[in-house]
Amino acid sequence: MKLHKILLAIIAAVTSVGLLSSAQATPITGMLNIGGTATFDTTSLTTAHSATFSDELVLGGNTGTFAGFAIGTPVVMADYTFDPSTITDGLWSVNGFTFNLLSSTVVSRSATFLSISGTGIITGPAGFDATAGVWAFTSQNAGGHPHSTFSFSANTVAAAPDSGMTLVLLGTGLMGLAAFRAKFGKV
C-alpha cells in the first residue's frame, strides 16, 4: 500500500511540473529591418570604430513576430562601438522589443562601405521568450562625409523547444526506481 502512495505522489508531481512547463512564453521569430542615418567617429569607414544614429525607422520586409510592425515606426538606437566588438545592451528598441548585442565582426570595409555581422539576444514584452538572433549591419558613405545611411536586419535563431518529454522520461525513471526499491529493497 505504501508503494502505491509513493507512485501516486510521483505521478502527481511529474504531471504538475509538466503542466507548468507547457505554459511557456512564445518565442520571438522572424526578421526585422531598420534603416536611418549613422554618424561615424571618422570620415572614412576604413578607420571608423563607432557610430551614433538618427532618424531610425522600421523598414519593410519584416516577418514572423515583426510582420505587423508599421513601416516608418520610430526606433531607439544606442551608440555602438563595433571595432573592437563591444557588448551593447539595448542596441535597438521598438514596440516593446529590444536587441542586446553580444558580439560583432567587421565582415568587409572600404572608405565608403562597411558590413558587420554578429549575434545578440532579442527580448520582448510579457509573454515572449528571450530569443537568440543573428544580425547584419551595412552602411554606405559617399564622398568622405561622416554621415551615411545604414541598414540593420535581425533574424531570430529559434531553438527547438522541449515538448516536456524530458520530464516524462524523468518521471518514468523515478517511478521505475521506486518500484524496484519497493520490490527488492527488503533483503
N, C-alpha and C. Protein backbone atom coordinates (compact mmCIF):
# COMPACT_ATOMS: atom_id res chain seq x y z
N MET A 1 0.82 -1.20 0.00
CA MET A 1 0.00 0.00 0.00
C MET A 1 0.86 1.26 0.00
N LYS A 2 1.98 1.19 0.72
CA LYS A 2 2.87 2.34 0.80
C LYS A 2 3.46 2.65 -0.57
N LEU A 3 3.83 1.63 -1.37
CA LEU A 3 4.36 1.82 -2.72
C LEU A 3 3.32 2.53 -3.59
N HIS A 4 2.09 2.16 -3.44
CA HIS A 4 1.01 2.77 -4.22
C HIS A 4 0.95 4.28 -3.97
N LYS A 5 1.07 4.71 -2.72
CA LYS A 5 1.04 6.13 -2.36
C LYS A 5 2.26 6.86 -2.92
N ILE A 6 3.41 6.22 -2.86
CA ILE A 6 4.64 6.83 -3.40
C ILE A 6 4.52 7.04 -4.90
N LEU A 7 4.04 6.02 -5.60
CA LEU A 7 3.87 6.13 -7.06
C LEU A 7 2.87 7.21 -7.42
N LEU A 8 1.77 7.30 -6.69
CA LEU A 8 0.77 8.36 -6.95
C LEU A 8 1.37 9.74 -6.71
N ALA A 9 2.17 9.90 -5.67
CA ALA A 9 2.81 11.19 -5.39
C ALA A 9 3.78 11.58 -6.50
N ILE A 10 4.55 10.59 -6.98
CA ILE A 10 5.50 10.86 -8.06
C ILE A 10 4.75 11.24 -9.34
N ILE A 11 3.69 10.51 -9.66
CA ILE A 11 2.90 10.82 -10.87
C ILE A 11 2.30 12.21 -10.76
N ALA A 12 1.77 12.56 -9.60
CA ALA A 12 1.16 13.88 -9.41
C ALA A 12 2.21 14.98 -9.57
N ALA A 13 3.40 14.77 -9.00
CA ALA A 13 4.46 15.78 -9.10
C ALA A 13 4.92 15.97 -10.54
N VAL A 14 5.14 14.85 -11.24
CA VAL A 14 5.59 14.93 -12.64
C VAL A 14 4.52 15.59 -13.50
N THR A 15 3.26 15.25 -13.28
CA THR A 15 2.17 15.83 -14.06
C THR A 15 2.07 17.34 -13.82
N SER A 16 2.15 17.77 -12.56
CA SER A 16 2.03 19.19 -12.27
C SER A 16 3.21 19.97 -12.85
N VAL A 17 4.41 19.43 -12.75
CA VAL A 17 5.57 20.11 -13.35
C VAL A 17 5.42 20.14 -14.86
N GLY A 18 4.94 19.06 -15.45
CA GLY A 18 4.73 19.01 -16.89
C GLY A 18 3.72 20.04 -17.35
N LEU A 19 2.63 20.21 -16.58
CA LEU A 19 1.62 21.20 -16.94
C LEU A 19 2.16 22.61 -16.79
N LEU A 20 2.95 22.85 -15.75
CA LEU A 20 3.55 24.17 -15.58
C LEU A 20 4.52 24.50 -16.71
N SER A 21 5.30 23.51 -17.13
CA SER A 21 6.29 23.78 -18.17
C SER A 21 5.64 23.97 -19.53
N SER A 22 4.41 23.47 -19.72
CA SER A 22 3.77 23.64 -21.02
C SER A 22 3.18 25.04 -21.17
N ALA A 23 3.10 25.80 -20.08
CA ALA A 23 2.60 27.17 -20.16
C ALA A 23 3.76 28.12 -20.39
N GLN A 24 4.54 27.87 -21.44
CA GLN A 24 5.72 28.67 -21.74
C GLN A 24 5.33 29.93 -22.49
N ALA A 25 6.27 30.86 -22.51
CA ALA A 25 6.10 32.06 -23.30
C ALA A 25 6.34 31.73 -24.77
N THR A 26 5.99 32.64 -25.63
CA THR A 26 6.12 32.46 -27.07
C THR A 26 7.51 32.90 -27.53
N PRO A 27 8.19 32.09 -28.35
CA PRO A 27 9.50 32.54 -28.87
C PRO A 27 9.30 33.68 -29.88
N ILE A 28 10.28 34.54 -29.96
CA ILE A 28 10.28 35.62 -30.95
C ILE A 28 10.80 35.03 -32.24
N THR A 29 10.10 35.26 -33.35
CA THR A 29 10.50 34.69 -34.64
C THR A 29 10.57 35.78 -35.70
N GLY A 30 11.28 35.48 -36.77
CA GLY A 30 11.26 36.34 -37.94
C GLY A 30 12.43 37.30 -38.06
N MET A 31 12.21 38.29 -38.93
CA MET A 31 13.25 39.26 -39.26
C MET A 31 12.69 40.67 -39.15
N LEU A 32 13.52 41.59 -38.65
CA LEU A 32 13.16 43.00 -38.53
C LEU A 32 14.21 43.82 -39.27
N ASN A 33 13.77 44.74 -40.11
CA ASN A 33 14.66 45.62 -40.87
C ASN A 33 14.52 47.06 -40.38
N ILE A 34 15.67 47.69 -40.12
CA ILE A 34 15.72 49.06 -39.62
C ILE A 34 16.67 49.86 -40.52
N GLY A 35 16.37 51.13 -40.74
CA GLY A 35 17.25 52.00 -41.52
C GLY A 35 17.28 53.39 -40.92
N GLY A 36 18.25 54.20 -41.37
CA GLY A 36 18.35 55.57 -40.88
C GLY A 36 19.68 56.19 -41.25
N THR A 37 20.12 57.12 -40.43
CA THR A 37 21.38 57.82 -40.66
C THR A 37 22.36 57.47 -39.55
N ALA A 38 23.60 57.17 -39.93
CA ALA A 38 24.66 56.88 -38.98
C ALA A 38 25.72 57.96 -39.06
N THR A 39 26.23 58.37 -37.92
CA THR A 39 27.35 59.30 -37.87
C THR A 39 28.51 58.54 -37.24
N PHE A 40 29.61 58.43 -37.99
CA PHE A 40 30.77 57.66 -37.54
C PHE A 40 31.81 58.57 -36.92
N ASP A 41 32.74 57.97 -36.18
CA ASP A 41 33.78 58.73 -35.50
C ASP A 41 34.87 59.23 -36.44
N THR A 42 34.88 58.78 -37.70
CA THR A 42 35.82 59.29 -38.71
C THR A 42 35.07 59.48 -40.02
N THR A 43 35.70 60.16 -40.97
CA THR A 43 35.05 60.37 -42.27
C THR A 43 35.27 59.22 -43.23
N SER A 44 36.13 58.28 -42.89
CA SER A 44 36.36 57.11 -43.73
C SER A 44 35.90 55.86 -42.99
N LEU A 45 35.08 55.05 -43.64
CA LEU A 45 34.62 53.81 -43.00
C LEU A 45 35.76 52.81 -42.81
N THR A 46 36.90 53.04 -43.48
CA THR A 46 38.07 52.18 -43.30
C THR A 46 38.61 52.28 -41.88
N THR A 47 38.52 53.46 -41.29
CA THR A 47 39.09 53.69 -39.97
C THR A 47 38.03 53.90 -38.88
N ALA A 48 36.77 53.82 -39.21
CA ALA A 48 35.70 54.04 -38.24
C ALA A 48 35.68 52.93 -37.19
N HIS A 49 35.35 53.33 -35.94
CA HIS A 49 35.27 52.37 -34.84
C HIS A 49 33.91 52.38 -34.15
N SER A 50 33.15 53.50 -34.29
CA SER A 50 31.88 53.61 -33.60
C SER A 50 30.91 54.47 -34.41
N ALA A 51 29.63 54.37 -34.02
CA ALA A 51 28.59 55.13 -34.72
C ALA A 51 27.52 55.57 -33.74
N THR A 52 26.91 56.71 -34.05
CA THR A 52 25.69 57.15 -33.39
C THR A 52 24.62 57.22 -34.47
N PHE A 53 23.36 57.15 -34.09
CA PHE A 53 22.29 57.01 -35.08
C PHE A 53 21.24 58.10 -34.92
N SER A 54 20.58 58.41 -36.03
CA SER A 54 19.45 59.33 -36.02
C SER A 54 18.48 58.91 -37.12
N ASP A 55 17.25 59.37 -37.00
CA ASP A 55 16.21 59.09 -37.99
C ASP A 55 15.98 57.59 -38.19
N GLU A 56 16.10 56.79 -37.12
CA GLU A 56 15.95 55.34 -37.24
C GLU A 56 14.47 54.99 -37.36
N LEU A 57 14.17 54.17 -38.36
CA LEU A 57 12.79 53.78 -38.63
C LEU A 57 12.72 52.31 -39.02
N VAL A 58 11.55 51.71 -38.78
CA VAL A 58 11.30 50.35 -39.25
C VAL A 58 11.10 50.41 -40.76
N LEU A 59 11.80 49.52 -41.48
CA LEU A 59 11.65 49.41 -42.93
C LEU A 59 10.69 48.25 -43.24
N GLY A 60 10.44 47.98 -44.50
CA GLY A 60 9.56 46.90 -44.91
C GLY A 60 10.27 45.56 -44.96
N GLY A 61 9.52 44.51 -45.30
CA GLY A 61 10.08 43.18 -45.45
C GLY A 61 10.20 42.41 -44.16
N ASN A 62 9.50 42.82 -43.11
CA ASN A 62 9.58 42.16 -41.82
C ASN A 62 8.72 40.90 -41.81
N THR A 63 9.14 39.91 -41.03
CA THR A 63 8.44 38.63 -40.99
C THR A 63 8.22 38.18 -39.56
N GLY A 64 7.46 37.10 -39.37
CA GLY A 64 7.25 36.50 -38.06
C GLY A 64 6.63 37.46 -37.08
N THR A 65 7.18 37.52 -35.88
CA THR A 65 6.69 38.39 -34.82
C THR A 65 6.67 39.85 -35.26
N PHE A 66 7.59 40.23 -36.14
CA PHE A 66 7.73 41.62 -36.56
C PHE A 66 6.89 41.98 -37.79
N ALA A 67 6.15 41.02 -38.34
CA ALA A 67 5.41 41.24 -39.59
C ALA A 67 4.42 42.40 -39.50
N GLY A 68 3.85 42.62 -38.34
CA GLY A 68 2.85 43.68 -38.19
C GLY A 68 3.42 45.04 -37.87
N PHE A 69 4.73 45.17 -37.78
CA PHE A 69 5.33 46.47 -37.46
C PHE A 69 5.12 47.42 -38.65
N ALA A 70 4.57 48.58 -38.38
CA ALA A 70 4.30 49.54 -39.45
C ALA A 70 5.59 50.16 -39.97
N ILE A 71 5.70 50.24 -41.29
CA ILE A 71 6.85 50.91 -41.91
C ILE A 71 6.85 52.36 -41.43
N GLY A 72 8.01 52.84 -41.02
CA GLY A 72 8.14 54.20 -40.54
C GLY A 72 8.00 54.34 -39.02
N THR A 73 7.77 53.23 -38.30
CA THR A 73 7.70 53.28 -36.84
C THR A 73 9.07 53.71 -36.31
N PRO A 74 9.12 54.71 -35.43
CA PRO A 74 10.41 55.15 -34.87
C PRO A 74 11.08 54.05 -34.05
N VAL A 75 12.41 54.01 -34.14
CA VAL A 75 13.24 53.05 -33.42
C VAL A 75 14.22 53.84 -32.56
N VAL A 76 14.49 53.37 -31.36
CA VAL A 76 15.51 53.99 -30.50
C VAL A 76 16.76 53.14 -30.60
N MET A 77 17.90 53.76 -30.94
CA MET A 77 19.17 53.03 -31.06
C MET A 77 20.22 53.66 -30.16
N ALA A 78 21.00 52.79 -29.53
CA ALA A 78 22.11 53.23 -28.67
C ALA A 78 23.36 53.49 -29.51
N ASP A 79 24.28 54.28 -28.99
CA ASP A 79 25.59 54.42 -29.62
C ASP A 79 26.24 53.05 -29.69
N TYR A 80 27.05 52.83 -30.71
CA TYR A 80 27.55 51.48 -30.98
C TYR A 80 29.03 51.52 -31.32
N THR A 81 29.84 50.80 -30.54
CA THR A 81 31.26 50.62 -30.84
C THR A 81 31.44 49.23 -31.41
N PHE A 82 31.88 49.15 -32.67
CA PHE A 82 31.99 47.86 -33.35
C PHE A 82 33.43 47.41 -33.53
N ASP A 83 34.41 48.29 -33.32
CA ASP A 83 35.81 47.91 -33.50
C ASP A 83 36.62 48.55 -32.38
N PRO A 84 36.88 47.82 -31.30
CA PRO A 84 36.65 46.39 -31.12
C PRO A 84 35.18 46.09 -30.79
N SER A 85 34.81 44.84 -30.96
CA SER A 85 33.45 44.40 -30.66
C SER A 85 33.12 44.73 -29.21
N THR A 86 31.96 45.36 -29.00
CA THR A 86 31.56 45.77 -27.66
C THR A 86 30.12 45.32 -27.40
N ILE A 87 29.91 44.65 -26.28
CA ILE A 87 28.55 44.27 -25.89
C ILE A 87 27.75 45.55 -25.69
N THR A 88 26.56 45.61 -26.29
CA THR A 88 25.73 46.80 -26.20
C THR A 88 24.30 46.39 -25.86
N ASP A 89 23.91 46.59 -24.60
CA ASP A 89 22.52 46.34 -24.22
C ASP A 89 21.65 47.42 -24.83
N GLY A 90 20.51 47.03 -25.36
CA GLY A 90 19.58 48.00 -25.95
C GLY A 90 20.11 48.64 -27.21
N LEU A 91 20.79 47.87 -28.08
CA LEU A 91 21.27 48.45 -29.34
C LEU A 91 20.11 49.08 -30.09
N TRP A 92 18.97 48.37 -30.13
CA TRP A 92 17.75 48.99 -30.66
C TRP A 92 16.55 48.55 -29.85
N SER A 93 15.53 49.40 -29.83
CA SER A 93 14.26 49.09 -29.17
C SER A 93 13.13 49.64 -30.02
N VAL A 94 12.08 48.81 -30.20
CA VAL A 94 10.89 49.25 -30.94
C VAL A 94 9.71 48.37 -30.54
N ASN A 95 8.57 48.99 -30.31
CA ASN A 95 7.32 48.28 -29.99
C ASN A 95 7.47 47.27 -28.85
N GLY A 96 8.30 47.58 -27.84
CA GLY A 96 8.47 46.68 -26.70
C GLY A 96 9.52 45.60 -26.89
N PHE A 97 10.16 45.55 -28.05
CA PHE A 97 11.22 44.57 -28.32
C PHE A 97 12.57 45.28 -28.25
N THR A 98 13.57 44.58 -27.70
CA THR A 98 14.91 45.16 -27.55
C THR A 98 15.94 44.15 -28.03
N PHE A 99 16.95 44.63 -28.74
CA PHE A 99 18.06 43.79 -29.20
C PHE A 99 19.28 44.11 -28.37
N ASN A 100 19.79 43.10 -27.65
CA ASN A 100 21.01 43.23 -26.86
C ASN A 100 22.16 42.58 -27.62
N LEU A 101 23.09 43.39 -28.07
CA LEU A 101 24.22 42.94 -28.87
C LEU A 101 25.24 42.20 -28.02
N LEU A 102 25.63 41.00 -28.45
CA LEU A 102 26.64 40.23 -27.74
C LEU A 102 28.00 40.28 -28.42
N SER A 103 28.03 40.24 -29.76
CA SER A 103 29.31 40.25 -30.47
C SER A 103 29.12 40.84 -31.86
N SER A 104 30.21 41.34 -32.40
CA SER A 104 30.19 41.84 -33.77
C SER A 104 31.53 41.58 -34.44
N THR A 105 31.46 41.36 -35.75
CA THR A 105 32.65 41.13 -36.55
C THR A 105 32.55 41.99 -37.81
N VAL A 106 33.59 42.75 -38.09
CA VAL A 106 33.62 43.52 -39.35
C VAL A 106 33.87 42.52 -40.46
N VAL A 107 32.90 42.40 -41.38
CA VAL A 107 32.98 41.44 -42.48
C VAL A 107 33.74 42.05 -43.66
N SER A 108 33.42 43.30 -43.96
CA SER A 108 34.03 43.98 -45.11
C SER A 108 34.01 45.48 -44.86
N ARG A 109 35.06 46.17 -45.31
CA ARG A 109 35.06 47.62 -45.19
C ARG A 109 35.94 48.25 -46.25
N SER A 110 35.53 49.42 -46.67
CA SER A 110 36.32 50.27 -47.56
C SER A 110 36.06 51.70 -47.11
N ALA A 111 36.60 52.67 -47.82
CA ALA A 111 36.39 54.06 -47.44
C ALA A 111 34.91 54.45 -47.49
N THR A 112 34.11 53.75 -48.31
CA THR A 112 32.71 54.13 -48.49
C THR A 112 31.70 53.02 -48.19
N PHE A 113 32.16 51.88 -47.70
CA PHE A 113 31.23 50.78 -47.41
C PHE A 113 31.69 50.02 -46.17
N LEU A 114 30.73 49.65 -45.32
CA LEU A 114 31.02 48.90 -44.10
C LEU A 114 29.96 47.82 -43.93
N SER A 115 30.40 46.59 -43.65
CA SER A 115 29.50 45.47 -43.40
C SER A 115 29.94 44.77 -42.12
N ILE A 116 29.00 44.61 -41.18
CA ILE A 116 29.28 43.99 -39.89
C ILE A 116 28.21 42.93 -39.64
N SER A 117 28.60 41.83 -39.01
CA SER A 117 27.61 40.82 -38.61
C SER A 117 27.89 40.41 -37.18
N GLY A 118 26.94 39.71 -36.57
CA GLY A 118 27.16 39.29 -35.20
C GLY A 118 25.98 38.55 -34.62
N THR A 119 25.99 38.47 -33.28
CA THR A 119 24.95 37.76 -32.54
C THR A 119 24.41 38.64 -31.42
N GLY A 120 23.23 38.28 -30.96
CA GLY A 120 22.62 39.01 -29.85
C GLY A 120 21.40 38.28 -29.34
N ILE A 121 20.72 38.91 -28.41
CA ILE A 121 19.50 38.37 -27.81
C ILE A 121 18.39 39.41 -27.99
N ILE A 122 17.25 38.94 -28.49
CA ILE A 122 16.09 39.82 -28.63
C ILE A 122 15.13 39.49 -27.50
N THR A 123 14.74 40.52 -26.73
CA THR A 123 13.75 40.35 -25.69
C THR A 123 12.49 41.07 -26.11
N GLY A 124 11.37 40.67 -25.54
CA GLY A 124 10.10 41.27 -25.92
C GLY A 124 9.24 41.57 -24.72
N PRO A 125 8.03 42.04 -24.99
CA PRO A 125 7.10 42.30 -23.90
C PRO A 125 6.71 41.00 -23.20
N ALA A 126 5.95 41.11 -22.12
CA ALA A 126 5.49 39.93 -21.38
C ALA A 126 4.84 38.94 -22.34
N GLY A 127 5.14 37.67 -22.14
CA GLY A 127 4.57 36.63 -23.00
C GLY A 127 5.53 36.15 -24.07
N PHE A 128 6.69 36.80 -24.21
CA PHE A 128 7.68 36.39 -25.19
C PHE A 128 8.95 35.93 -24.49
N ASP A 129 9.55 34.85 -25.01
CA ASP A 129 10.83 34.36 -24.52
C ASP A 129 11.96 35.19 -25.11
N ALA A 130 13.02 35.42 -24.36
CA ALA A 130 14.24 35.99 -24.93
C ALA A 130 14.74 34.99 -25.97
N THR A 131 15.13 35.48 -27.14
CA THR A 131 15.47 34.61 -28.27
C THR A 131 16.80 35.03 -28.87
N ALA A 132 17.66 34.05 -29.14
CA ALA A 132 18.94 34.33 -29.79
C ALA A 132 18.70 34.82 -31.21
N GLY A 133 19.57 35.71 -31.66
CA GLY A 133 19.43 36.24 -33.01
C GLY A 133 20.77 36.49 -33.66
N VAL A 134 20.76 36.52 -34.97
CA VAL A 134 21.92 36.94 -35.75
C VAL A 134 21.54 38.23 -36.43
N TRP A 135 22.52 39.06 -36.75
CA TRP A 135 22.19 40.35 -37.33
C TRP A 135 23.25 40.78 -38.33
N ALA A 136 22.86 41.71 -39.17
CA ALA A 136 23.78 42.29 -40.16
C ALA A 136 23.55 43.79 -40.20
N PHE A 137 24.64 44.52 -40.28
CA PHE A 137 24.62 45.99 -40.34
C PHE A 137 25.46 46.40 -41.54
N THR A 138 24.91 47.24 -42.40
CA THR A 138 25.68 47.78 -43.52
C THR A 138 25.50 49.29 -43.57
N SER A 139 26.52 49.97 -44.05
CA SER A 139 26.45 51.42 -44.21
C SER A 139 27.21 51.83 -45.45
N GLN A 140 26.66 52.82 -46.12
CA GLN A 140 27.30 53.39 -47.31
C GLN A 140 27.57 54.86 -47.02
N ASN A 141 28.77 55.30 -47.35
CA ASN A 141 29.19 56.66 -47.08
C ASN A 141 29.82 57.21 -48.35
N ALA A 142 29.17 58.19 -48.97
CA ALA A 142 29.68 58.77 -50.22
C ALA A 142 30.45 60.05 -49.95
N GLY A 143 31.60 60.18 -50.55
CA GLY A 143 32.35 61.44 -50.53
C GLY A 143 33.02 61.78 -49.22
N GLY A 144 33.26 60.86 -48.34
CA GLY A 144 34.01 61.13 -47.12
C GLY A 144 33.25 61.91 -46.07
N HIS A 145 31.92 61.95 -46.14
CA HIS A 145 31.14 62.64 -45.11
C HIS A 145 30.98 61.73 -43.90
N PRO A 146 30.95 62.31 -42.70
CA PRO A 146 30.80 61.45 -41.51
C PRO A 146 29.40 60.85 -41.39
N HIS A 147 28.41 61.43 -42.10
CA HIS A 147 27.04 60.92 -42.05
C HIS A 147 26.82 59.97 -43.22
N SER A 148 26.12 58.88 -42.98
CA SER A 148 25.81 57.96 -44.06
C SER A 148 24.53 57.21 -43.72
N THR A 149 23.95 56.57 -44.71
CA THR A 149 22.77 55.76 -44.47
C THR A 149 23.20 54.40 -43.96
N PHE A 150 22.33 53.77 -43.20
CA PHE A 150 22.64 52.43 -42.72
C PHE A 150 21.40 51.58 -42.81
N SER A 151 21.60 50.27 -42.84
CA SER A 151 20.50 49.32 -42.69
C SER A 151 20.93 48.25 -41.71
N PHE A 152 19.98 47.77 -40.95
CA PHE A 152 20.24 46.79 -39.91
C PHE A 152 19.12 45.76 -40.01
N SER A 153 19.47 44.50 -40.04
CA SER A 153 18.43 43.47 -40.00
C SER A 153 18.80 42.43 -38.96
N ALA A 154 17.80 42.00 -38.22
CA ALA A 154 17.98 40.97 -37.19
C ALA A 154 17.08 39.80 -37.51
N ASN A 155 17.64 38.60 -37.49
CA ASN A 155 16.89 37.36 -37.69
C ASN A 155 16.99 36.53 -36.43
N THR A 156 15.88 35.97 -36.00
CA THR A 156 15.92 35.13 -34.82
C THR A 156 16.43 33.75 -35.16
N VAL A 157 17.03 33.11 -34.17
CA VAL A 157 17.52 31.74 -34.31
C VAL A 157 16.71 30.93 -33.31
N ALA A 158 15.62 30.34 -33.77
CA ALA A 158 14.71 29.61 -32.87
C ALA A 158 15.29 28.24 -32.53
N ALA A 159 15.37 27.96 -31.24
CA ALA A 159 15.79 26.63 -30.79
C ALA A 159 14.56 25.74 -30.74
N ALA A 160 14.76 24.46 -30.96
CA ALA A 160 13.65 23.52 -30.89
C ALA A 160 13.23 23.38 -29.43
N PRO A 161 11.97 23.68 -29.11
CA PRO A 161 11.54 23.60 -27.72
C PRO A 161 11.41 22.16 -27.26
N ASP A 162 11.62 21.96 -25.98
CA ASP A 162 11.42 20.64 -25.38
C ASP A 162 9.93 20.51 -25.11
N SER A 163 9.29 19.53 -25.68
CA SER A 163 7.84 19.37 -25.56
C SER A 163 7.43 18.76 -24.23
N GLY A 164 8.33 18.66 -23.27
CA GLY A 164 8.02 18.07 -21.99
C GLY A 164 8.47 16.61 -21.89
N MET A 165 9.04 16.10 -22.97
CA MET A 165 9.47 14.70 -22.98
C MET A 165 10.55 14.44 -21.93
N THR A 166 11.40 15.41 -21.64
CA THR A 166 12.43 15.23 -20.63
C THR A 166 11.80 14.95 -19.28
N LEU A 167 10.76 15.70 -18.93
CA LEU A 167 10.09 15.47 -17.66
C LEU A 167 9.37 14.13 -17.62
N VAL A 168 8.77 13.72 -18.73
CA VAL A 168 8.11 12.43 -18.80
C VAL A 168 9.12 11.31 -18.56
N LEU A 169 10.28 11.40 -19.22
CA LEU A 169 11.31 10.38 -19.04
C LEU A 169 11.84 10.37 -17.61
N LEU A 170 12.02 11.55 -17.03
CA LEU A 170 12.48 11.63 -15.64
C LEU A 170 11.46 10.98 -14.71
N GLY A 171 10.19 11.31 -14.90
CA GLY A 171 9.14 10.74 -14.06
C GLY A 171 9.05 9.23 -14.20
N THR A 172 9.16 8.73 -15.42
CA THR A 172 9.12 7.29 -15.66
C THR A 172 10.30 6.60 -14.97
N GLY A 173 11.45 7.19 -15.07
CA GLY A 173 12.64 6.63 -14.41
C GLY A 173 12.49 6.60 -12.90
N LEU A 174 11.96 7.69 -12.32
CA LEU A 174 11.76 7.73 -10.87
C LEU A 174 10.74 6.70 -10.41
N MET A 175 9.67 6.54 -11.20
CA MET A 175 8.66 5.53 -10.85
C MET A 175 9.26 4.13 -10.92
N GLY A 176 10.07 3.88 -11.93
CA GLY A 176 10.72 2.57 -12.04
C GLY A 176 11.66 2.32 -10.89
N LEU A 177 12.41 3.37 -10.50
CA LEU A 177 13.34 3.25 -9.37
C LEU A 177 12.57 2.97 -8.08
N ALA A 178 11.44 3.65 -7.87
CA ALA A 178 10.63 3.43 -6.67
C ALA A 178 10.07 2.01 -6.65
N ALA A 179 9.60 1.53 -7.79
CA ALA A 179 9.05 0.18 -7.87
C ALA A 179 10.15 -0.86 -7.61
N PHE A 180 11.34 -0.63 -8.18
CA PHE A 180 12.46 -1.56 -7.98
C PHE A 180 12.84 -1.61 -6.51
N ARG A 181 12.91 -0.43 -5.87
CA ARG A 181 13.29 -0.36 -4.47
C ARG A 181 12.25 -1.04 -3.59
N ALA A 182 10.97 -0.85 -3.92
CA ALA A 182 9.92 -1.45 -3.12
C ALA A 182 9.96 -2.98 -3.22
N LYS A 183 10.25 -3.47 -4.40
CA LYS A 183 10.23 -4.91 -4.61
C LYS A 183 11.48 -5.58 -4.05
N PHE A 184 12.66 -4.96 -4.26
CA PHE A 184 13.91 -5.60 -3.89
C PHE A 184 14.63 -4.93 -2.73
N GLY A 185 14.04 -3.91 -2.16
CA GLY A 185 14.69 -3.14 -1.09
C GLY A 185 14.81 -3.92 0.21
N LYS A 186 13.91 -4.86 0.47
CA LYS A 186 13.94 -5.64 1.73
C LYS A 186 14.63 -6.96 1.46
N VAL A 187 15.88 -7.04 1.80
CA VAL A 187 16.63 -8.27 1.57
C VAL A 187 16.90 -8.98 2.86
